[in-house]
Amino acid sequence: MVCQQDPLIRTVCELYYKISSLETLSPCRDVNALLTHLVRLCIPPHPVDVSALCSAVQEVRSNLIRLCGEAEGLLEAHFSDLLASFDRPLDHLSLFPYYNNYIKLAQLEYSLLSHHLPGGGTPETVAFIGSGPLPLTSLVLAANHLPAAAFHNYDIDSAANSRARRLVLPDPDLSQRVHFHTDDIMNVTAELGNYDVVFLAALVGMAEEEKVRVIVHLAKHMAPGAILMVRSAHGARAFLYPVVDPSDLRGFEFLSVYHPTDEVINSVIVARRTSASIEDPAISGQAMIKKQLHPPPLAGKKCCEIKPFFVDPLNPYGDIAEDLAIEQRSS
């Protein structure tokens, strides 16, 4: 198989077969070791075009993204349960081993968002689609960057929302501003027109056609002028997360994209809902790419400070999870 002659692709395939043979993807030493290896492999720049891969490797990539997503969800569920054991869960978010990563990622996304908000204003209503059991992006943005905004988190999994809601309820401020909705976003229509900003999580719509379908749905129902923040992936990082191309942003004006060249995994795309109907062919495909603005520098922050998910072999989350669980049982 020609594409597997590439050492990176060959190693990715080998890791996929090992990961797919694990008995569980819940936090443990074996899961951490394999995913750490995979992430470190995919971080360096590599001229791979995932759209040009042979069908067998395309299938491996699709399955690998789903496995990584499942492992990420299980990790978040574990720590959400642990945090819920405290009287004030939000005071202990730093127990999550990658909490600081979310702090820095939220700073990056807020900087990009602020650069494109009309008149330098701040949004009053924000939606996050695919928030999961530990909605750290919403929590960090609400607490640190948008202290007056209301956040509406959507997830198709009722158990994930129940876990997330437990974390917020004891907080007198965020319990009034951070809300959770259990629904398939494809069933949400009129409500989408109420939000100034909509975040689309990387793992909502894992296959390309699913992602495009979600984006088209958002374009139909978001208000003209509203901002869409989309997480994507670039280069070999596309073995970890789905790719969104600016040409997929039908119904949106493409504003900017941030492709990290360091240890940040996710790219961030910023787009604005146009006033045109998405049935208008003039707003589809490459016609949507009107301009690309370079994001402003982050004051006091370097993007290289943002660590990737599953990357600390000296502090594997399996050990952290086990130690904290033991500590909670003994307290």
C-alpha atoms as a PDB file:
ATOM      1  CA  MET A   1       0.000   0.000   0.000  1.00  0.00           C
ATOM      2  CA  VAL A   2       1.739   3.138  -1.297  1.00  0.00           C
ATOM      3  CA  CYS A   3       0.549   5.631   1.331  1.00  0.00           C
ATOM      4  CA  GLN A   4       1.756   3.358   4.141  1.00  0.00           C
ATOM      5  CA  GLN A   5       5.321   3.722   2.875  1.00  0.00           C
ATOM      6  CA  ASP A   6       5.346   7.027   4.754  1.00  0.00           C
ATOM      7  CA  PRO A   7       6.867   6.256   8.193  1.00  0.00           C
ATOM      8  CA  LEU A   8       4.405   8.537   9.984  1.00  0.00           C
ATOM      9  CA  ILE A   9       1.370   6.954   8.364  1.00  0.00           C
ATOM     10  CA  ARG A  10       2.716   3.487   9.002  1.00  0.00           C
ATOM     11  CA  THR A  11       3.246   4.265  12.696  1.00  0.00           C
ATOM     12  CA  VAL A  12      -0.203   5.865  12.982  1.00  0.00           C
ATOM     13  CA  CYS A  13      -1.730   2.672  11.594  1.00  0.00           C
ATOM     14  CA  GLU A  14       0.255   0.533  14.023  1.00  0.00           C
ATOM     15  CA  LEU A  15      -0.914   2.667  16.948  1.00  0.00           C
ATOM     16  CA  TYR A  16      -4.492   2.497  15.721  1.00  0.00           C
ATOM     17  CA  TYR A  17      -4.460  -1.301  15.798  1.00  0.00           C
ATOM     18  CA  LYS A  18      -3.035  -1.258  19.336  1.00  0.00           C
ATOM     19  CA  ILE A  19      -5.564   1.305  20.566  1.00  0.00           C
ATOM     20  CA  SER A  20      -8.486  -0.487  18.938  1.00  0.00           C
ATOM     21  CA  SER A  21      -7.494  -3.726  20.672  1.00  0.00           C
ATOM     22  CA  LEU A  22      -7.604  -2.231  24.179  1.00  0.00           C
ATOM     23  CA  GLU A  23     -10.252  -3.647  26.476  1.00  0.00           C
ATOM     24  CA  THR A  24     -11.186  -0.158  27.663  1.00  0.00           C
ATOM     25  CA  LEU A  25     -10.514   3.462  26.761  1.00  0.00           C
ATOM     26  CA  SER A  26     -11.142   4.634  30.322  1.00  0.00           C
ATOM     27  CA  PRO A  27      -8.255   6.474  32.038  1.00  0.00           C
ATOM     28  CA  CYS A  28      -5.404   4.056  32.727  1.00  0.00           C
ATOM     29  CA  ARG A  29      -1.693   3.671  32.063  1.00  0.00           C
ATOM     30  CA  ASP A  30      -2.001   1.756  28.765  1.00  0.00           C
ATOM     31  CA  VAL A  31      -4.498   4.212  27.289  1.00  0.00           C
ATOM     32  CA  ASN A  32      -2.344   7.159  28.293  1.00  0.00           C
ATOM     33  CA  ALA A  33       0.857   5.649  26.881  1.00  0.00           C
ATOM     34  CA  LEU A  34      -0.623   4.879  23.464  1.00  0.00           C
ATOM     35  CA  LEU A  35      -2.447   8.189  23.089  1.00  0.00           C
ATOM     36  CA  THR A  36       0.592  10.139  24.268  1.00  0.00           C
ATOM     37  CA  HIS A  37       2.662   8.383  21.596  1.00  0.00           C
ATOM     38  CA  LEU A  38       0.037   9.144  18.962  1.00  0.00           C
ATOM     39  CA  VAL A  39      -0.229  12.836  19.842  1.00  0.00           C
ATOM     40  CA  ARG A  40       3.531  13.348  19.957  1.00  0.00           C
ATOM     41  CA  LEU A  41       3.804  11.668  16.570  1.00  0.00           C
ATOM     42  CA  CYS A  42       1.216  13.982  14.998  1.00  0.00           C
ATOM     43  CA  ILE A  43       2.399  17.318  16.412  1.00  0.00           C
ATOM     44  CA  PRO A  44       5.473  18.039  14.217  1.00  0.00           C
ATOM     45  CA  PRO A  45       4.830  19.609  10.796  1.00  0.00           C
ATOM     46  CA  HIS A  46       4.269  16.967   8.126  1.00  0.00           C
ATOM     47  CA  PRO A  47       3.201  17.448   4.492  1.00  0.00           C
ATOM     48  CA  VAL A  48       0.435  14.868   4.714  1.00  0.00           C
ATOM     49  CA  ASP A  49      -2.800  15.562   2.851  1.00  0.00           C
ATOM     50  CA  VAL A  50      -5.373  13.408   4.598  1.00  0.00           C
ATOM     51  CA  SER A  51      -7.853  13.923   1.771  1.00  0.00           C
ATOM     52  CA  ALA A  52      -5.440  12.144  -0.587  1.00  0.00           C
ATOM     53  CA  LEU A  53      -4.908   9.058   1.566  1.00  0.00           C
ATOM     54  CA  CYS A  54      -5.863   5.643   0.252  1.00  0.00           C
ATOM     55  CA  SER A  55      -9.239   4.287   1.345  1.00  0.00           C
ATOM     56  CA  ALA A  56      -7.775   1.868   3.898  1.00  0.00           C
ATOM     57  CA  VAL A  57      -5.873   4.620   5.713  1.00  0.00           C
ATOM     58  CA  GLN A  58      -8.876   6.931   5.437  1.00  0.00           C
ATOM     59  CA  GLU A  59     -10.857   4.298   7.319  1.00  0.00           C
ATOM     60  CA  VAL A  60      -8.099   4.010   9.931  1.00  0.00           C
ATOM     61  CA  ARG A  61      -8.128   7.790  10.374  1.00  0.00           C
ATOM     62  CA  SER A  62     -11.915   7.935  10.771  1.00  0.00           C
ATOM     63  CA  ASN A  63     -11.908   5.130  13.321  1.00  0.00           C
ATOM     64  CA  LEU A  64      -8.958   6.628  15.177  1.00  0.00           C
ATOM     65  CA  ILE A  65     -10.702   9.986  15.549  1.00  0.00           C
ATOM     66  CA  ARG A  66     -13.711   8.218  17.030  1.00  0.00           C
ATOM     67  CA  LEU A  67     -11.553   6.231  19.458  1.00  0.00           C
ATOM     68  CA  CYS A  68      -9.713   9.367  20.591  1.00  0.00           C
ATOM     69  CA  GLY A  69     -13.042  11.114  21.040  1.00  0.00           C
ATOM     70  CA  GLU A  70     -14.360   8.257  23.143  1.00  0.00           C
ATOM     71  CA  ALA A  71     -11.238   8.269  25.322  1.00  0.00           C
ATOM     72  CA  GLU A  72     -11.500  12.029  25.775  1.00  0.00           C
ATOM     73  CA  GLY A  73     -15.147  11.716  26.806  1.00  0.00           C
ATOM     74  CA  LEU A  74     -14.375   9.003  29.345  1.00  0.00           C
ATOM     75  CA  LEU A  75     -11.575  11.063  30.853  1.00  0.00           C
ATOM     76  CA  GLU A  76     -13.852  14.078  31.198  1.00  0.00           C
ATOM     77  CA  ALA A  77     -16.664  11.995  32.691  1.00  0.00           C
ATOM     78  CA  HIS A  78     -14.289  10.522  35.275  1.00  0.00           C
ATOM     79  CA  PHE A  79     -13.077  13.924  36.425  1.00  0.00           C
ATOM     80  CA  SER A  80     -16.543  15.437  36.311  1.00  0.00           C
ATOM     81  CA  ASP A  81     -17.675  12.769  38.785  1.00  0.00           C
ATOM     82  CA  LEU A  82     -14.647  13.418  40.950  1.00  0.00           C
ATOM     83  CA  LEU A  83     -15.211  17.175  40.989  1.00  0.00           C
ATOM     84  CA  ALA A  84     -18.879  16.693  41.841  1.00  0.00           C
ATOM     85  CA  SER A  85     -17.837  15.111  45.146  1.00  0.00           C
ATOM     86  CA  PHE A  86     -16.796  18.567  46.404  1.00  0.00           C
ATOM     87  CA  ASP A  87     -19.240  21.087  47.854  1.00  0.00           C
ATOM     88  CA  ARG A  88     -17.956  23.707  45.402  1.00  0.00           C
ATOM     89  CA  PRO A  89     -16.757  21.783  42.338  1.00  0.00           C
ATOM     90  CA  LEU A  90     -15.648  24.850  40.376  1.00  0.00           C
ATOM     91  CA  ASP A  91     -13.109  25.703  43.075  1.00  0.00           C
ATOM     92  CA  HIS A  92     -11.290  22.475  42.236  1.00  0.00           C
ATOM     93  CA  LEU A  93     -11.192  22.502  38.427  1.00  0.00           C
ATOM     94  CA  SER A  94      -7.402  22.531  38.559  1.00  0.00           C
ATOM     95  CA  LEU A  95      -7.561  18.878  39.635  1.00  0.00           C
ATOM     96  CA  PHE A  96      -8.262  18.078  36.003  1.00  0.00           C
ATOM     97  CA  PRO A  97      -4.762  17.376  34.669  1.00  0.00           C
ATOM     98  CA  TYR A  98      -5.221  19.494  31.538  1.00  0.00           C
ATOM     99  CA  TYR A  99      -7.088  22.401  33.105  1.00  0.00           C
ATOM    100  CA  ASN A 100      -4.272  24.844  32.349  1.00  0.00           C
ATOM    101  CA  ASN A 101      -4.472  23.850  28.690  1.00  0.00           C
ATOM    102  CA  TYR A 102      -8.089  25.009  28.628  1.00  0.00           C
ATOM    103  CA  ILE A 103      -7.140  28.254  30.347  1.00  0.00           C
ATOM    104  CA  LYS A 104      -4.662  29.005  27.576  1.00  0.00           C
ATOM    105  CA  LEU A 105      -6.877  27.771  24.754  1.00  0.00           C
ATOM    106  CA  ALA A 106      -9.743  29.947  25.993  1.00  0.00           C
ATOM    107  CA  GLN A 107      -7.374  32.931  26.009  1.00  0.00           C
ATOM    108  CA  LEU A 108      -6.447  32.199  22.387  1.00  0.00           C
ATOM    109  CA  GLU A 109     -10.049  31.823  21.260  1.00  0.00           C
ATOM    110  CA  TYR A 110     -11.171  34.912  23.149  1.00  0.00           C
ATOM    111  CA  SER A 111      -8.403  36.922  21.492  1.00  0.00           C
ATOM    112  CA  LEU A 112      -9.478  35.724  18.044  1.00  0.00           C
ATOM    113  CA  LEU A 113     -13.125  36.387  18.853  1.00  0.00           C
ATOM    114  CA  SER A 114     -12.450  39.895  20.165  1.00  0.00           C
ATOM    115  CA  HIS A 115     -10.559  40.749  16.987  1.00  0.00           C
ATOM    116  CA  HIS A 116     -13.671  40.119  14.891  1.00  0.00           C
ATOM    117  CA  LEU A 117     -16.494  41.417  17.090  1.00  0.00           C
ATOM    118  CA  PRO A 118     -18.072  44.564  15.637  1.00  0.00           C
ATOM    119  CA  GLY A 119     -16.871  47.716  17.359  1.00  0.00           C
ATOM    120  CA  GLY A 120     -14.840  45.724  19.857  1.00  0.00           C
ATOM    121  CA  GLY A 121     -17.988  44.815  21.766  1.00  0.00           C
ATOM    122  CA  THR A 122     -18.630  41.717  23.842  1.00  0.00           C
ATOM    123  CA  PRO A 123     -21.234  39.027  23.153  1.00  0.00           C
ATOM    124  CA  GLU A 124     -24.235  38.753  25.431  1.00  0.00           C
ATOM    125  CA  THR A 125     -25.227  35.206  24.478  1.00  0.00           C
ATOM    126  CA  VAL A 126     -22.919  32.328  23.581  1.00  0.00           C
ATOM    127  CA  ALA A 127     -23.716  28.767  22.538  1.00  0.00           C
ATOM    128  CA  PHE A 128     -21.325  25.833  22.727  1.00  0.00           C
ATOM    129  CA  ILE A 129     -22.283  22.792  20.669  1.00  0.00           C
ATOM    130  CA  GLY A 130     -20.861  19.520  21.966  1.00  0.00           C
ATOM    131  CA  SER A 131     -20.029  20.679  25.488  1.00  0.00           C
ATOM    132  CA  GLY A 132     -19.650  17.248  27.107  1.00  0.00           C
ATOM    133  CA  PRO A 133     -19.548  16.251  30.801  1.00  0.00           C
ATOM    134  CA  LEU A 134     -16.786  18.729  31.692  1.00  0.00           C
ATOM    135  CA  PRO A 135     -17.549  21.951  29.740  1.00  0.00           C
ATOM    136  CA  LEU A 136     -14.297  23.701  30.524  1.00  0.00           C
ATOM    137  CA  THR A 137     -14.340  26.071  27.555  1.00  0.00           C
ATOM    138  CA  SER A 138     -17.677  27.537  28.626  1.00  0.00           C
ATOM    139  CA  LEU A 139     -16.682  27.633  32.286  1.00  0.00           C
ATOM    140  CA  VAL A 140     -13.356  29.363  31.630  1.00  0.00           C
ATOM    141  CA  LEU A 141     -14.796  31.869  29.168  1.00  0.00           C
ATOM    142  CA  ALA A 142     -17.714  32.648  31.496  1.00  0.00           C
ATOM    143  CA  ALA A 143     -15.511  33.113  34.551  1.00  0.00           C
ATOM    144  CA  ASN A 144     -12.431  34.773  33.038  1.00  0.00           C
ATOM    145  CA  HIS A 145     -13.356  36.535  29.802  1.00  0.00           C
ATOM    146  CA  LEU A 146     -17.111  37.087  29.431  1.00  0.00           C
ATOM    147  CA  PRO A 147     -18.395  37.705  32.980  1.00  0.00           C
ATOM    148  CA  ALA A 148     -21.747  39.107  31.847  1.00  0.00           C
ATOM    149  CA  ALA A 149     -22.564  36.682  29.026  1.00  0.00           C
ATOM    150  CA  ALA A 150     -25.053  33.825  29.155  1.00  0.00           C
ATOM    151  CA  PHE A 151     -23.765  30.456  27.939  1.00  0.00           C
ATOM    152  CA  HIS A 152     -26.000  27.786  26.448  1.00  0.00           C
ATOM    153  CA  ASN A 153     -24.346  24.375  26.185  1.00  0.00           C
ATOM    154  CA  TYR A 154     -25.774  21.742  23.861  1.00  0.00           C
ATOM    155  CA  ASP A 155     -25.008  18.048  24.010  1.00  0.00           C
ATOM    156  CA  ILE A 156     -26.890  15.076  22.641  1.00  0.00           C
ATOM    157  CA  ASP A 157     -25.955  13.001  25.718  1.00  0.00           C
ATOM    158  CA  SER A 158     -28.248  13.583  28.707  1.00  0.00           C
ATOM    159  CA  ALA A 159     -25.756  11.924  31.069  1.00  0.00           C
ATOM    160  CA  ALA A 160     -23.041  14.353  29.961  1.00  0.00           C
ATOM    161  CA  ASN A 161     -25.332  17.298  30.640  1.00  0.00           C
ATOM    162  CA  SER A 162     -26.332  15.916  34.041  1.00  0.00           C
ATOM    163  CA  ARG A 163     -22.680  15.665  35.008  1.00  0.00           C
ATOM    164  CA  ALA A 164     -21.929  19.164  33.743  1.00  0.00           C
ATOM    165  CA  ARG A 165     -24.945  20.672  35.493  1.00  0.00           C
ATOM    166  CA  ARG A 166     -23.836  19.232  38.858  1.00  0.00           C
ATOM    167  CA  LEU A 167     -20.616  21.223  38.619  1.00  0.00           C
ATOM    168  CA  VAL A 168     -22.349  24.553  38.037  1.00  0.00           C
ATOM    169  CA  LEU A 169     -25.351  24.385  40.375  1.00  0.00           C
ATOM    170  CA  PRO A 170     -23.482  25.282  43.622  1.00  0.00           C
ATOM    171  CA  ASP A 171     -21.983  28.427  42.066  1.00  0.00           C
ATOM    172  CA  PRO A 172     -24.255  31.466  42.628  1.00  0.00           C
ATOM    173  CA  ASP A 173     -23.013  33.278  39.508  1.00  0.00           C
ATOM    174  CA  LEU A 174     -22.454  30.613  36.868  1.00  0.00           C
ATOM    175  CA  SER A 175     -25.558  28.671  37.857  1.00  0.00           C
ATOM    176  CA  GLN A 176     -27.548  31.678  36.612  1.00  0.00           C
ATOM    177  CA  ARG A 177     -25.546  32.180  33.404  1.00  0.00           C
ATOM    178  CA  VAL A 178     -24.470  28.716  32.240  1.00  0.00           C
ATOM    179  CA  HIS A 179     -27.298  26.548  30.924  1.00  0.00           C
ATOM    180  CA  PHE A 180     -27.487  23.039  29.477  1.00  0.00           C
ATOM    181  CA  HIS A 181     -29.727  21.636  26.764  1.00  0.00           C
ATOM    182  CA  THR A 182     -30.000  17.981  25.766  1.00  0.00           C
ATOM    183  CA  ASP A 183     -30.746  17.804  22.065  1.00  0.00           C
ATOM    184  CA  ASP A 184     -29.366  16.910  18.671  1.00  0.00           C
ATOM    185  CA  ILE A 185     -28.265  20.280  17.322  1.00  0.00           C
ATOM    186  CA  MET A 186     -29.911  19.366  14.014  1.00  0.00           C
ATOM    187  CA  ASN A 187     -33.247  19.635  15.850  1.00  0.00           C
ATOM    188  CA  VAL A 188     -32.457  23.086  17.243  1.00  0.00           C
ATOM    189  CA  THR A 189     -33.680  25.885  14.984  1.00  0.00           C
ATOM    190  CA  ALA A 190     -35.159  29.149  16.290  1.00  0.00           C
ATOM    191  CA  GLU A 191     -32.947  29.164  19.391  1.00  0.00           C
ATOM    192  CA  LEU A 192     -29.816  29.414  17.239  1.00  0.00           C
ATOM    193  CA  GLY A 193     -30.924  32.856  16.115  1.00  0.00           C
ATOM    194  CA  ASN A 194     -30.563  34.143  19.686  1.00  0.00           C
ATOM    195  CA  TYR A 195     -26.791  33.708  19.999  1.00  0.00           C
ATOM    196  CA  ASP A 196     -24.112  36.279  19.220  1.00  0.00           C
ATOM    197  CA  VAL A 197     -21.422  33.583  19.102  1.00  0.00           C
ATOM    198  CA  VAL A 198     -21.615  29.845  18.480  1.00  0.00           C
ATOM    199  CA  PHE A 199     -18.715  27.496  19.227  1.00  0.00           C
ATOM    200  CA  LEU A 200     -18.655  24.197  17.331  1.00  0.00           C
ATOM    201  CA  ALA A 201     -16.647  21.511  19.130  1.00  0.00           C
ATOM    202  CA  ALA A 202     -14.119  19.543  17.101  1.00  0.00           C
ATOM    203  CA  LEU A 203     -15.877  16.212  17.600  1.00  0.00           C
ATOM    204  CA  VAL A 204     -19.363  17.324  16.546  1.00  0.00           C
ATOM    205  CA  GLY A 205     -19.716  15.837  13.079  1.00  0.00           C
ATOM    206  CA  MET A 206     -16.722  13.529  12.868  1.00  0.00           C
ATOM    207  CA  ALA A 207     -17.121  12.648   9.188  1.00  0.00           C
ATOM    208  CA  GLU A 208     -16.738  15.445   6.644  1.00  0.00           C
ATOM    209  CA  GLU A 209     -20.290  15.158   5.353  1.00  0.00           C
ATOM    210  CA  GLU A 210     -21.643  15.235   8.927  1.00  0.00           C
ATOM    211  CA  LYS A 211     -19.636  18.354   9.746  1.00  0.00           C
ATOM    212  CA  VAL A 212     -20.788  20.141   6.591  1.00  0.00           C
ATOM    213  CA  ARG A 213     -24.389  19.207   7.350  1.00  0.00           C
ATOM    214  CA  VAL A 214     -24.089  20.762  10.821  1.00  0.00           C
ATOM    215  CA  ILE A 215     -22.489  23.925   9.431  1.00  0.00           C
ATOM    216  CA  VAL A 216     -25.225  24.318   6.811  1.00  0.00           C
ATOM    217  CA  HIS A 217     -27.843  23.864   9.547  1.00  0.00           C
ATOM    218  CA  LEU A 218     -26.177  26.568  11.643  1.00  0.00           C
ATOM    219  CA  ALA A 219     -26.081  28.891   8.643  1.00  0.00           C
ATOM    220  CA  LYS A 220     -29.808  28.429   8.133  1.00  0.00           C
ATOM    221  CA  HIS A 221     -30.703  29.370  11.686  1.00  0.00           C
ATOM    222  CA  MET A 222     -27.996  31.630  13.153  1.00  0.00           C
ATOM    223  CA  ALA A 223     -28.619  35.363  13.040  1.00  0.00           C
ATOM    224  CA  PRO A 224     -26.910  37.393  10.292  1.00  0.00           C
ATOM    225  CA  GLY A 225     -23.700  38.845  11.681  1.00  0.00           C
ATOM    226  CA  ALA A 226     -23.316  36.205  14.412  1.00  0.00           C
ATOM    227  CA  ILE A 227     -19.855  34.676  14.817  1.00  0.00           C
ATOM    228  CA  LEU A 228     -19.081  30.978  14.380  1.00  0.00           C
ATOM    229  CA  MET A 229     -15.963  29.566  16.075  1.00  0.00           C
ATOM    230  CA  VAL A 230     -14.986  26.177  14.659  1.00  0.00           C
ATOM    231  CA  ARG A 231     -12.247  23.869  15.895  1.00  0.00           C
ATOM    232  CA  SER A 232     -10.407  21.998  13.182  1.00  0.00           C
ATOM    233  CA  ALA A 233      -7.058  20.281  12.572  1.00  0.00           C
ATOM    234  CA  HIS A 234      -4.155  20.707  10.161  1.00  0.00           C
ATOM    235  CA  GLY A 235      -1.422  18.425   8.844  1.00  0.00           C
ATOM    236  CA  ALA A 236      -0.825  15.193  10.736  1.00  0.00           C
ATOM    237  CA  ARG A 237      -3.019  16.501  13.560  1.00  0.00           C
ATOM    238  CA  ALA A 238      -5.899  15.535  11.290  1.00  0.00           C
ATOM    239  CA  PHE A 239      -5.380  11.966  12.502  1.00  0.00           C
ATOM    240  CA  LEU A 240      -6.642  13.196  15.894  1.00  0.00           C
ATOM    241  CA  TYR A 241      -9.514  15.519  14.970  1.00  0.00           C
ATOM    242  CA  PRO A 242     -11.722  16.197  11.936  1.00  0.00           C
ATOM    243  CA  VAL A 243     -10.696  18.813   9.377  1.00  0.00           C
ATOM    244  CA  VAL A 244     -12.892  21.760   8.459  1.00  0.00           C
ATOM    245  CA  ASP A 245     -11.929  23.543   5.249  1.00  0.00           C
ATOM    246  CA  PRO A 246     -12.911  27.197   4.794  1.00  0.00           C
ATOM    247  CA  SER A 247     -14.786  26.098   1.675  1.00  0.00           C
ATOM    248  CA  ASP A 248     -17.092  24.092   3.976  1.00  0.00           C
ATOM    249  CA  LEU A 249     -18.392  27.295   5.566  1.00  0.00           C
ATOM    250  CA  ARG A 250     -21.466  27.659   3.404  1.00  0.00           C
ATOM    251  CA  GLY A 251     -23.534  30.592   4.537  1.00  0.00           C
ATOM    252  CA  PHE A 252     -20.617  32.166   6.412  1.00  0.00           C
ATOM    253  CA  GLU A 253     -17.985  34.740   5.585  1.00  0.00           C
ATOM    254  CA  PHE A 254     -14.601  33.237   6.370  1.00  0.00           C
ATOM    255  CA  LEU A 255     -12.668  35.670   8.579  1.00  0.00           C
ATOM    256  CA  SER A 256      -9.526  33.941   9.815  1.00  0.00           C
ATOM    257  CA  VAL A 257      -7.904  30.656  10.703  1.00  0.00           C
ATOM    258  CA  TYR A 258      -5.216  29.936  13.274  1.00  0.00           C
ATOM    259  CA  HIS A 259      -3.043  26.920  12.432  1.00  0.00           C
ATOM    260  CA  PRO A 260      -0.658  26.211  15.314  1.00  0.00           C
ATOM    261  CA  THR A 261       2.921  25.280  14.523  1.00  0.00           C
ATOM    262  CA  ASP A 262       3.753  24.167  18.048  1.00  0.00           C
ATOM    263  CA  GLU A 263       2.071  21.865  20.534  1.00  0.00           C
ATOM    264  CA  VAL A 264      -1.411  23.291  20.108  1.00  0.00           C
ATOM    265  CA  ILE A 265      -3.460  20.592  18.394  1.00  0.00           C
ATOM    266  CA  ASN A 266      -6.657  22.262  17.245  1.00  0.00           C
ATOM    267  CA  SER A 267      -6.804  24.922  14.577  1.00  0.00           C
ATOM    268  CA  VAL A 268      -9.413  27.615  15.176  1.00  0.00           C
ATOM    269  CA  ILE A 269     -11.558  29.022  12.363  1.00  0.00           C
ATOM    270  CA  VAL A 270     -13.556  32.228  12.760  1.00  0.00           C
ATOM    271  CA  ALA A 271     -16.476  32.999  10.437  1.00  0.00           C
ATOM    272  CA  ARG A 272     -19.428  35.381  10.330  1.00  0.00           C
ATOM    273  CA  ARG A 273     -22.977  34.491   9.312  1.00  0.00           C
ATOM    274  CA  THR A 274     -23.845  36.319   6.114  1.00  0.00           C
ATOM    275  CA  SER A 275     -27.168  37.931   5.336  1.00  0.00           C
ATOM    276  CA  ALA A 276     -27.550  35.929   2.120  1.00  0.00           C
ATOM    277  CA  SER A 277     -29.599  32.753   1.839  1.00  0.00           C
ATOM    278  CA  ILE A 278     -27.473  29.624   1.872  1.00  0.00           C
ATOM    279  CA  GLU A 279     -29.323  28.437  -1.222  1.00  0.00           C
ATOM    280  CA  ASP A 280     -27.596  31.279  -3.102  1.00  0.00           C
ATOM    281  CA  PRO A 281     -24.727  29.616  -5.062  1.00  0.00           C
ATOM    282  CA  ALA A 282     -22.680  32.793  -4.730  1.00  0.00           C
ATOM    283  CA  ILE A 283     -22.073  32.086  -1.056  1.00  0.00           C
ATOM    284  CA  SER A 284     -21.011  28.440  -1.368  1.00  0.00           C
ATOM    285  CA  GLY A 285     -17.569  26.915  -1.684  1.00  0.00           C
ATOM    286  CA  GLN A 286     -14.575  29.095  -2.402  1.00  0.00           C
ATOM    287  CA  ALA A 287     -16.758  32.156  -3.003  1.00  0.00           C
ATOM    288  CA  MET A 288     -17.063  32.357   0.781  1.00  0.00           C
ATOM    289  CA  ILE A 289     -13.320  32.909   1.237  1.00  0.00           C
ATOM    290  CA  LYS A 290     -13.251  36.690   1.017  1.00  0.00           C
ATOM    291  CA  LYS A 291     -10.278  37.416   3.203  1.00  0.00           C
ATOM    292  CA  GLN A 292      -7.946  35.976   5.772  1.00  0.00           C
ATOM    293  CA  LEU A 293      -6.903  38.162   8.648  1.00  0.00           C
ATOM    294  CA  HIS A 294      -3.925  37.390  10.844  1.00  0.00           C
ATOM    295  CA  PRO A 295      -4.950  37.166  14.489  1.00  0.00           C
ATOM    296  CA  PRO A 296      -3.467  39.703  16.895  1.00  0.00           C
ATOM    297  CA  PRO A 297      -0.661  38.648  19.222  1.00  0.00           C
ATOM    298  CA  LEU A 298      -1.803  37.349  22.567  1.00  0.00           C
ATOM    299  CA  ALA A 299      -0.812  39.768  25.289  1.00  0.00           C
ATOM    300  CA  GLY A 300       1.368  37.998  27.805  1.00  0.00           C
ATOM    301  CA  LYS A 301       0.736  34.575  26.254  1.00  0.00           C
ATOM    302  CA  LYS A 302       2.687  32.389  23.874  1.00  0.00           C
ATOM    303  CA  CYS A 303       0.848  29.788  21.882  1.00  0.00           C
ATOM    304  CA  CYS A 304       3.680  27.352  22.444  1.00  0.00           C
ATOM    305  CA  GLU A 305       2.660  27.321  26.109  1.00  0.00           C
ATOM    306  CA  ILE A 306      -0.535  25.448  25.235  1.00  0.00           C
ATOM    307  CA  LYS A 307       0.030  21.766  25.748  1.00  0.00           C
ATOM    308  CA  PRO A 308      -1.809  19.104  23.748  1.00  0.00           C
ATOM    309  CA  PHE A 309      -4.226  16.595  25.172  1.00  0.00           C
ATOM    310  CA  PHE A 310      -2.649  13.305  26.383  1.00  0.00           C
ATOM    311  CA  VAL A 311       0.953  14.481  26.264  1.00  0.00           C
ATOM    312  CA  ASP A 312       2.553  14.266  29.685  1.00  0.00           C
ATOM    313  CA  PRO A 313       4.218  10.855  30.091  1.00  0.00           C
ATOM    314  CA  LEU A 314       5.777  11.958  33.381  1.00  0.00           C
ATOM    315  CA  ASN A 315       2.336  12.620  34.807  1.00  0.00           C
ATOM    316  CA  PRO A 316      -0.022  10.180  33.096  1.00  0.00           C
ATOM    317  CA  TYR A 317      -3.663  10.842  33.801  1.00  0.00           C
ATOM    318  CA  GLY A 318      -4.165   7.193  34.685  1.00  0.00           C
ATOM    319  CA  ASP A 319      -2.061   7.686  37.812  1.00  0.00           C
ATOM    320  CA  ILE A 320      -3.725  11.010  38.577  1.00  0.00           C
ATOM    321  CA  ALA A 321      -7.166   9.521  38.259  1.00  0.00           C
ATOM    322  CA  GLU A 322      -6.295   6.573  40.480  1.00  0.00           C
ATOM    323  CA  ASP A 323      -4.540   8.694  43.134  1.00  0.00           C
ATOM    324  CA  LEU A 324      -7.370  11.210  43.344  1.00  0.00           C
ATOM    325  CA  ALA A 325      -9.982   8.491  43.543  1.00  0.00           C
ATOM    326  CA  ILE A 326      -8.085   6.863  46.426  1.00  0.00           C
ATOM    327  CA  GLU A 327      -7.726  10.244  48.137  1.00  0.00           C
ATOM    328  CA  GLN A 328     -11.460  10.903  47.871  1.00  0.00           C
ATOM    329  CA  ARG A 329     -12.356   7.491  49.283  1.00  0.00           C
ATOM    330  CA  SER A 330     -10.054   7.984  52.262  1.00  0.00           C
ATOM    331  CA  SER A 331     -11.215  11.525  53.064  1.00  0.00           C
END
